[in-house]
Amino acid sequence: METASRRLAILAEGTLEFHHGKTAVSLLRYRPEDIVAVIDSENRGRTTDEVLGIGGDIPVVASVDDTFAMRPDALVIGIAPFGGGLPEQWRREILAAIDHGMDVISGLHFMLADDAEFAEAARAHTVKLVDVRRAPEDLQVATFAGHRPGARVVTFVGSDCAVGKMTAALEVTQAARHMGLSAGFVATGQTGIMLEGEGIAIDRVIGDFMSGAMEGLVTRAAERYDWVFVEGQGSLLHPAYSGVTLALLHGSAPDAMILVHPPTQTQIDSYPIAIPSLPRLIRIYEDAAAWVKPARVAALALNTRDMEEREAREAIRAAEEETGLPATDPVRFGGEVLVKAIAEYLVEGRAPTPAAH
């Protein structure tokens, strides 16, 4: 993938926060060594640690021009907005980066390489326009192919979009590796692909081929790893993204699921749709999985970013009492609890139960 071993500037004008700016946030969390600056005039003069609590002393600057002295070789579009469009006011920043010889890497549905102005500028300055979300052309429909015997697939599902499914999957993958397991992360969205270096953004795939695309990704990963952790997308409850979620769930054909949920959130995105209780959510996902292949939700990953530590621990205990399942915030407290829960269920055949805190 084009983001490997680069000097990156991230464009996050007016969006340097955890929801719409999640691409920038994830790169700052997992690849801070590759980032020379973040562009956001609202926070210029500060560091990313001061703004977000991550990334250390990476500077926040007002424009792409302010990054040139830091010698970046690529500009990354740092947002994941509803609908995946490009803010019109960002065109000037992108053209300035191209004029300065920087590649541009984007995970938007808007394809940079299909834009005549950007494409002509890129040709003139011999730079690359990398559209991470562009789907491969050789995809097939799902065939209900099984995974390699001995490989175990765990798919992360969520109460809503942008609740931390990718982050939870990455944290659990890292924890599994630290515990000596052969573990791989399957990227199914633009930010995950930027971090992992491979994958397919399922929400850009034509409907007939979504499940097949996931089936192929997961089957290949299961040939390489004993434990395969699949990044989830959207939510079965989300009016706009439920189809993507279902295709991913059926295509990945997991052996177990981990449910991701922020305890303080009560409704779906900006829609007047209430998030049901955790037991109800679990039944929804287990019922949907069982239409193709039965799989249990074996643990909960809570996103407690907006809570004090005491509140977070209370929320975790409450979720365990409500569901009878192990729970933790893998970013805050590590993913080992979730790895152990999955291993007990899939390897030892024991029903998942909360661990002592």
Protein backbone atom coordinates (compact mmCIF):
# COMPACT_ATOMS: atom_id res chain seq x y z
CA MET A 1 0.00 0.00 0.00
CA GLU A 2 1.20 3.48 -0.85
CA THR A 3 1.31 4.72 2.77
CA ALA A 4 4.15 2.38 3.76
CA SER A 5 7.30 4.15 5.01
CA ARG A 6 6.19 7.61 3.98
CA ARG A 7 6.47 11.15 5.32
CA LEU A 8 2.81 12.06 5.57
CA ALA A 9 0.95 15.32 6.03
CA ILE A 10 -2.70 14.85 6.98
CA LEU A 11 -5.40 17.20 5.76
CA ALA A 12 -8.05 17.50 8.48
CA GLU A 13 -9.26 21.08 8.12
CA GLY A 14 -12.03 21.70 10.66
CA THR A 15 -12.39 17.97 11.40
CA LEU A 16 -9.61 17.14 13.86
CA GLU A 17 -11.86 15.14 16.17
CA PHE A 18 -12.74 11.50 16.79
CA HIS A 19 -15.86 11.08 14.64
CA HIS A 20 -15.59 12.54 11.12
CA GLY A 21 -11.80 12.79 11.50
CA LYS A 22 -11.34 9.13 12.33
CA THR A 23 -8.89 8.53 9.45
CA ALA A 24 -6.57 11.21 10.81
CA VAL A 25 -7.07 9.96 14.37
CA SER A 26 -6.27 6.34 13.47
CA LEU A 27 -3.09 7.27 11.61
CA LEU A 28 -2.02 9.41 14.57
CA ARG A 29 -2.74 6.56 16.97
CA TYR A 30 -1.06 3.75 15.04
CA ARG A 31 1.50 5.41 12.72
CA PRO A 32 2.66 8.62 14.43
CA GLU A 33 6.25 8.01 13.33
CA ASP A 34 5.23 8.55 9.68
CA ILE A 35 3.37 11.83 10.18
CA VAL A 36 5.17 15.17 9.92
CA ALA A 37 2.16 17.48 10.40
CA VAL A 38 -1.62 17.76 10.48
CA ILE A 39 -3.40 20.59 8.64
CA ASP A 40 -6.24 22.22 10.59
CA SER A 41 -6.31 26.01 10.82
CA GLU A 42 -8.68 25.88 13.80
CA ASN A 43 -5.97 24.25 15.92
CA ARG A 44 -2.83 25.69 14.33
CA GLY A 45 0.10 26.20 16.68
CA ARG A 46 -0.86 23.25 18.87
CA THR A 47 0.31 19.63 18.84
CA THR A 48 -1.91 16.65 18.12
CA ASP A 49 -1.41 15.51 21.70
CA GLU A 50 -2.80 18.80 22.93
CA VAL A 51 -5.81 18.51 20.61
CA LEU A 52 -6.57 14.78 20.78
CA GLY A 53 -4.35 13.25 23.43
CA ILE A 54 -2.49 11.14 20.85
CA GLY A 55 0.40 11.54 18.40
CA GLY A 56 2.87 13.25 20.72
CA ASP A 57 4.39 16.51 19.51
CA ILE A 58 3.26 16.31 15.88
CA PRO A 59 2.50 19.92 14.91
CA VAL A 60 -0.86 21.19 13.69
CA VAL A 61 -0.47 23.83 10.97
CA ALA A 62 -2.80 26.12 9.05
CA SER A 63 -2.23 25.02 5.44
CA VAL A 64 -0.40 22.59 3.23
CA ASP A 65 2.11 25.35 2.44
CA ASP A 66 3.18 25.27 6.09
CA THR A 67 4.24 21.64 5.77
CA PHE A 68 6.72 22.04 2.92
CA ALA A 69 9.69 22.76 5.19
CA MET A 70 9.01 19.40 6.88
CA ARG A 71 9.52 17.61 3.53
CA PRO A 72 6.35 15.47 3.33
CA ASP A 73 6.11 13.24 0.28
CA ALA A 74 2.37 12.57 0.48
CA LEU A 75 -0.82 14.29 1.59
CA VAL A 76 -3.47 12.08 3.21
CA ILE A 77 -7.13 13.07 3.21
CA GLY A 78 -7.90 12.62 6.90
CA ILE A 79 -11.69 12.45 6.99
CA ALA A 80 -14.37 9.79 6.65
CA PRO A 81 -17.50 11.91 6.17
CA PHE A 82 -21.08 10.75 5.68
CA GLY A 83 -21.32 9.94 1.97
CA GLY A 84 -17.57 10.13 1.36
CA GLY A 85 -17.55 13.41 -0.57
CA LEU A 86 -14.68 15.88 -0.91
CA PRO A 87 -15.17 19.31 0.70
CA GLU A 88 -14.97 21.84 -2.15
CA GLN A 89 -12.73 24.16 -0.12
CA TRP A 90 -10.10 21.41 0.13
CA ARG A 91 -9.34 21.46 -3.60
CA ARG A 92 -6.86 24.33 -3.21
CA GLU A 93 -4.89 22.41 -0.56
CA ILE A 94 -4.79 19.27 -2.68
CA LEU A 95 -3.65 21.15 -5.78
CA ALA A 96 -0.94 22.91 -3.74
CA ALA A 97 0.34 19.54 -2.53
CA ILE A 98 0.39 18.17 -6.09
CA ASP A 99 2.20 21.27 -7.35
CA HIS A 100 4.83 20.67 -4.67
CA GLY A 101 5.39 17.10 -5.88
CA MET A 102 3.42 15.30 -3.17
CA ASP A 103 1.37 12.19 -3.84
CA VAL A 104 -2.21 12.39 -2.55
CA ILE A 105 -3.82 9.47 -0.72
CA SER A 106 -7.56 9.43 -0.23
CA GLY A 107 -10.11 7.06 1.26
CA LEU A 108 -13.15 9.00 0.06
CA HIS A 109 -15.85 7.71 -2.27
CA PHE A 110 -14.88 10.73 -4.39
CA MET A 111 -12.16 9.36 -6.67
CA LEU A 112 -9.26 11.79 -7.05
CA ALA A 113 -7.94 10.07 -10.15
CA ASP A 114 -11.31 10.49 -11.90
CA ASP A 115 -11.28 14.26 -11.39
CA ALA A 116 -9.98 15.96 -14.54
CA GLU A 117 -8.27 18.85 -12.75
CA PHE A 118 -6.50 16.65 -10.23
CA ALA A 119 -5.54 14.06 -12.84
CA GLU A 120 -4.01 16.69 -15.15
CA ALA A 121 -2.06 18.28 -12.30
CA ALA A 122 -0.79 14.87 -11.19
CA ARG A 123 0.42 14.07 -14.72
CA ALA A 124 2.14 17.43 -14.98
CA HIS A 125 4.04 16.95 -11.73
CA THR A 126 4.53 13.17 -12.00
CA VAL A 127 2.81 12.32 -8.73
CA LYS A 128 0.37 9.58 -7.78
CA LEU A 129 -3.27 9.92 -6.85
CA VAL A 130 -4.06 6.94 -4.64
CA ASP A 131 -7.75 6.16 -4.18
CA VAL A 132 -7.72 3.58 -1.39
CA ARG A 133 -11.44 2.91 -1.68
CA ARG A 134 -11.31 1.88 -5.34
CA ALA A 135 -12.50 -1.73 -5.52
CA PRO A 136 -10.65 -4.46 -7.42
CA GLU A 137 -12.17 -5.41 -10.74
CA ASP A 138 -11.81 -9.20 -10.44
CA LEU A 139 -14.25 -9.88 -7.59
CA GLN A 140 -16.55 -12.90 -7.51
CA VAL A 141 -19.87 -13.67 -5.83
CA ALA A 142 -19.69 -15.62 -2.57
CA THR A 143 -19.32 -19.38 -2.90
CA PHE A 144 -19.79 -20.33 0.77
CA ALA A 145 -16.17 -21.44 0.90
CA GLY A 146 -15.00 -22.74 4.25
CA HIS A 147 -11.97 -21.52 6.15
CA ARG A 148 -8.82 -23.55 6.68
CA PRO A 149 -9.28 -26.13 9.47
CA GLY A 150 -7.65 -24.78 12.61
CA ALA A 151 -8.14 -21.13 11.66
CA ARG A 152 -10.63 -19.16 13.75
CA VAL A 153 -12.38 -16.07 12.41
CA VAL A 154 -13.72 -13.32 14.67
CA THR A 155 -15.74 -10.46 13.16
CA PHE A 156 -16.27 -7.18 15.00
CA VAL A 157 -19.83 -5.86 14.87
CA GLY A 158 -21.25 -2.65 16.28
CA SER A 159 -24.26 -0.88 17.69
CA ASP A 160 -23.64 1.95 15.19
CA CYS A 161 -21.15 3.23 12.63
CA ALA A 162 -17.98 4.99 13.86
CA VAL A 163 -18.06 3.38 17.31
CA GLY A 164 -14.52 1.94 17.18
CA LYS A 165 -14.85 -1.43 15.45
CA MET A 166 -11.59 -1.01 13.54
CA THR A 167 -9.73 0.24 16.60
CA ALA A 168 -11.02 -2.63 18.73
CA ALA A 169 -10.02 -5.15 16.06
CA LEU A 170 -6.52 -3.67 15.83
CA GLU A 171 -6.09 -3.65 19.60
CA VAL A 172 -7.23 -7.26 19.91
CA THR A 173 -4.96 -8.32 17.04
CA GLN A 174 -1.99 -6.66 18.76
CA ALA A 175 -2.89 -8.27 22.09
CA ALA A 176 -3.14 -11.70 20.47
CA ARG A 177 0.28 -11.28 18.88
CA HIS A 178 1.78 -10.19 22.21
CA MET A 179 0.30 -13.36 23.71
CA GLY A 180 2.19 -15.42 21.10
CA LEU A 181 -0.72 -16.23 18.80
CA SER A 182 -0.62 -16.25 15.02
CA ALA A 183 -3.02 -13.38 14.43
CA GLY A 184 -4.00 -11.28 11.41
CA PHE A 185 -6.17 -8.20 10.91
CA VAL A 186 -8.46 -8.01 7.87
CA ALA A 187 -9.09 -4.43 6.71
CA THR A 188 -12.51 -3.79 5.22
CA GLY A 189 -12.49 0.02 5.14
CA GLN A 190 -10.27 2.82 3.85
CA THR A 191 -8.50 3.64 7.12
CA GLY A 192 -7.81 0.01 7.92
CA ILE A 193 -6.29 -0.43 4.47
CA MET A 194 -4.02 2.59 5.02
CA LEU A 195 -2.81 1.04 8.29
CA GLU A 196 -2.57 -2.60 7.24
CA GLY A 197 -1.36 -2.10 3.67
CA GLU A 198 -4.00 -4.34 2.10
CA GLY A 199 -7.71 -5.06 2.14
CA ILE A 200 -10.92 -4.07 0.34
CA ALA A 201 -13.27 -1.24 1.23
CA ILE A 202 -16.52 -3.21 1.16
CA ASP A 203 -18.74 -0.14 0.97
CA ARG A 204 -17.34 0.61 -2.50
CA VAL A 205 -18.01 -2.89 -3.87
CA ILE A 206 -21.03 -3.56 -6.12
CA GLY A 207 -23.76 -5.26 -4.10
CA ASP A 208 -23.59 -8.66 -5.82
CA PHE A 209 -19.90 -8.98 -4.96
CA MET A 210 -19.72 -7.62 -1.40
CA SER A 211 -20.01 -10.96 0.37
CA GLY A 212 -17.68 -12.58 -2.14
CA ALA A 213 -15.07 -9.88 -1.63
CA MET A 214 -15.13 -10.49 2.13
CA GLU A 215 -15.10 -14.24 1.65
CA GLY A 216 -11.96 -13.99 -0.44
CA LEU A 217 -10.18 -11.65 1.99
CA VAL A 218 -10.95 -13.77 5.02
CA THR A 219 -10.22 -17.10 3.33
CA ARG A 220 -6.78 -15.84 2.26
CA ALA A 221 -6.07 -14.48 5.74
CA ALA A 222 -7.08 -17.82 7.27
CA GLU A 223 -4.41 -19.53 5.16
CA ARG A 224 -1.76 -17.29 6.80
CA TYR A 225 -3.01 -16.96 10.38
CA ASP A 226 -4.61 -19.15 13.03
CA TRP A 227 -6.59 -16.20 14.36
CA VAL A 228 -8.26 -13.80 11.93
CA PHE A 229 -9.81 -10.60 13.27
CA VAL A 230 -12.13 -8.91 10.77
CA GLU A 231 -12.79 -5.17 10.88
CA GLY A 232 -16.52 -4.48 10.95
CA GLN A 233 -18.41 -1.78 9.07
CA GLY A 234 -21.61 0.09 9.89
CA SER A 235 -24.39 -1.57 11.88
CA LEU A 236 -27.36 -3.80 11.14
CA LEU A 237 -29.46 -1.05 12.73
CA HIS A 238 -28.13 1.80 10.56
CA PRO A 239 -30.60 2.89 7.84
CA ALA A 240 -27.81 3.79 5.40
CA TYR A 241 -25.23 1.09 6.06
CA SER A 242 -27.11 -2.04 7.18
CA GLY A 243 -26.67 -3.74 3.79
CA VAL A 244 -22.91 -3.36 3.97
CA THR A 245 -22.88 -4.78 7.49
CA LEU A 246 -24.92 -7.84 6.54
CA ALA A 247 -22.79 -8.58 3.48
CA LEU A 248 -19.64 -8.34 5.57
CA LEU A 249 -21.09 -10.58 8.27
CA HIS A 250 -22.18 -13.30 5.85
CA GLY A 251 -19.06 -13.04 3.68
CA SER A 252 -16.65 -13.29 6.61
CA ALA A 253 -18.62 -16.27 8.06
CA PRO A 254 -17.16 -15.82 11.53
CA ASP A 255 -16.78 -18.46 14.21
CA ALA A 256 -17.51 -15.80 16.82
CA MET A 257 -18.22 -12.06 17.05
CA ILE A 258 -17.18 -9.22 19.34
CA LEU A 259 -19.78 -6.49 19.80
CA VAL A 260 -18.48 -2.90 19.95
CA HIS A 261 -20.55 -0.24 21.71
CA PRO A 262 -20.09 3.20 23.32
CA PRO A 263 -22.09 3.09 26.59
CA THR A 264 -23.04 6.78 26.47
CA GLN A 265 -24.62 6.57 23.00
CA THR A 266 -28.36 6.00 22.90
CA GLN A 267 -29.36 6.46 19.24
CA ILE A 268 -28.14 5.54 15.77
CA ASP A 269 -25.95 8.29 14.30
CA SER A 270 -28.16 11.31 13.53
CA TYR A 271 -31.30 9.20 13.05
CA PRO A 272 -34.20 9.08 15.54
CA ILE A 273 -33.61 5.37 16.09
CA ALA A 274 -32.89 4.16 19.61
CA ILE A 275 -30.10 1.67 20.21
CA PRO A 276 -31.69 -1.35 21.90
CA SER A 277 -30.35 -3.11 24.98
CA LEU A 278 -27.13 -5.08 24.71
CA PRO A 279 -28.91 -8.45 25.00
CA ARG A 280 -31.22 -7.41 22.15
CA LEU A 281 -28.27 -6.28 20.03
CA ILE A 282 -26.55 -9.59 20.62
CA ARG A 283 -29.66 -11.51 19.51
CA ILE A 284 -29.92 -9.36 16.37
CA TYR A 285 -26.38 -10.19 15.29
CA GLU A 286 -26.53 -13.85 16.26
CA ASP A 287 -29.83 -14.29 14.40
CA ALA A 288 -28.44 -12.62 11.27
CA ALA A 289 -25.22 -14.65 11.33
CA ALA A 290 -27.17 -17.87 11.76
CA TRP A 291 -28.97 -17.38 8.46
CA VAL A 292 -25.68 -18.49 6.85
CA LYS A 293 -23.46 -19.83 9.65
CA PRO A 294 -24.20 -19.77 13.39
CA ALA A 295 -21.84 -17.63 15.47
CA ARG A 296 -22.09 -16.26 18.98
CA VAL A 297 -21.18 -12.85 20.31
CA ALA A 298 -18.50 -13.99 22.75
CA ALA A 299 -17.36 -10.67 24.24
CA LEU A 300 -17.99 -6.92 24.32
CA ALA A 301 -15.56 -4.13 23.40
CA LEU A 302 -16.78 -0.88 24.95
CA ASN A 303 -15.68 2.51 23.69
CA THR A 304 -15.39 4.59 26.88
CA ARG A 305 -13.34 7.45 25.41
CA ASP A 306 -15.74 10.11 26.70
CA MET A 307 -15.90 8.71 30.24
CA GLU A 308 -13.72 9.08 33.33
CA GLU A 309 -11.87 5.90 34.31
CA ARG A 310 -14.18 5.19 37.25
CA GLU A 311 -17.22 5.59 35.00
CA ALA A 312 -15.62 3.38 32.37
CA ARG A 313 -15.01 0.55 34.84
CA GLU A 314 -18.58 0.85 36.11
CA ALA A 315 -19.89 0.71 32.54
CA ILE A 316 -17.84 -2.41 31.86
CA ARG A 317 -19.16 -4.14 34.98
CA ALA A 318 -22.71 -3.12 34.10
CA ALA A 319 -22.36 -4.54 30.57
CA GLU A 320 -21.03 -7.81 31.95
CA GLU A 321 -23.89 -8.08 34.42
CA GLU A 322 -26.44 -7.27 31.72
CA THR A 323 -25.10 -9.80 29.19
CA GLY A 324 -23.14 -12.39 31.16
CA LEU A 325 -20.22 -11.84 28.74
CA PRO A 326 -16.65 -10.63 29.25
CA ALA A 327 -16.21 -6.92 28.47
CA THR A 328 -13.49 -4.28 28.44
CA ASP A 329 -12.32 -1.17 26.64
CA PRO A 330 -9.37 -2.58 24.65
CA VAL A 331 -7.84 0.84 24.02
CA ARG A 332 -7.97 1.87 27.65
CA PHE A 333 -7.32 -1.43 29.39
CA GLY A 334 -5.81 -3.69 26.71
CA GLY A 335 -7.32 -6.40 24.57
CA GLU A 336 -6.11 -9.45 26.50
CA VAL A 337 -9.49 -9.98 28.20
CA LEU A 338 -11.15 -10.25 24.80
CA VAL A 339 -8.51 -12.59 23.39
CA LYS A 340 -8.85 -14.90 26.40
CA ALA A 341 -12.64 -14.88 26.12
CA ILE A 342 -12.53 -15.82 22.45
CA ALA A 343 -9.92 -18.53 23.07
CA GLU A 344 -11.91 -20.05 25.92
CA TYR A 345 -15.00 -20.18 23.73
CA LEU A 346 -13.49 -21.35 20.44
CA VAL A 347 -10.59 -23.51 21.65
CA GLU A 348 -11.68 -24.81 25.03
CA GLY A 349 -15.38 -24.93 24.22
CA ARG A 350 -16.31 -23.04 27.36
CA ALA A 351 -19.21 -20.60 27.43
CA PRO A 352 -17.83 -17.06 27.68
CA THR A 353 -18.22 -15.58 31.19
CA PRO A 354 -16.99 -12.30 32.70
CA ALA A 355 -13.48 -12.24 34.13
CA ALA A 356 -12.80 -11.01 37.65
CA HIS A 357 -11.87 -7.31 37.75
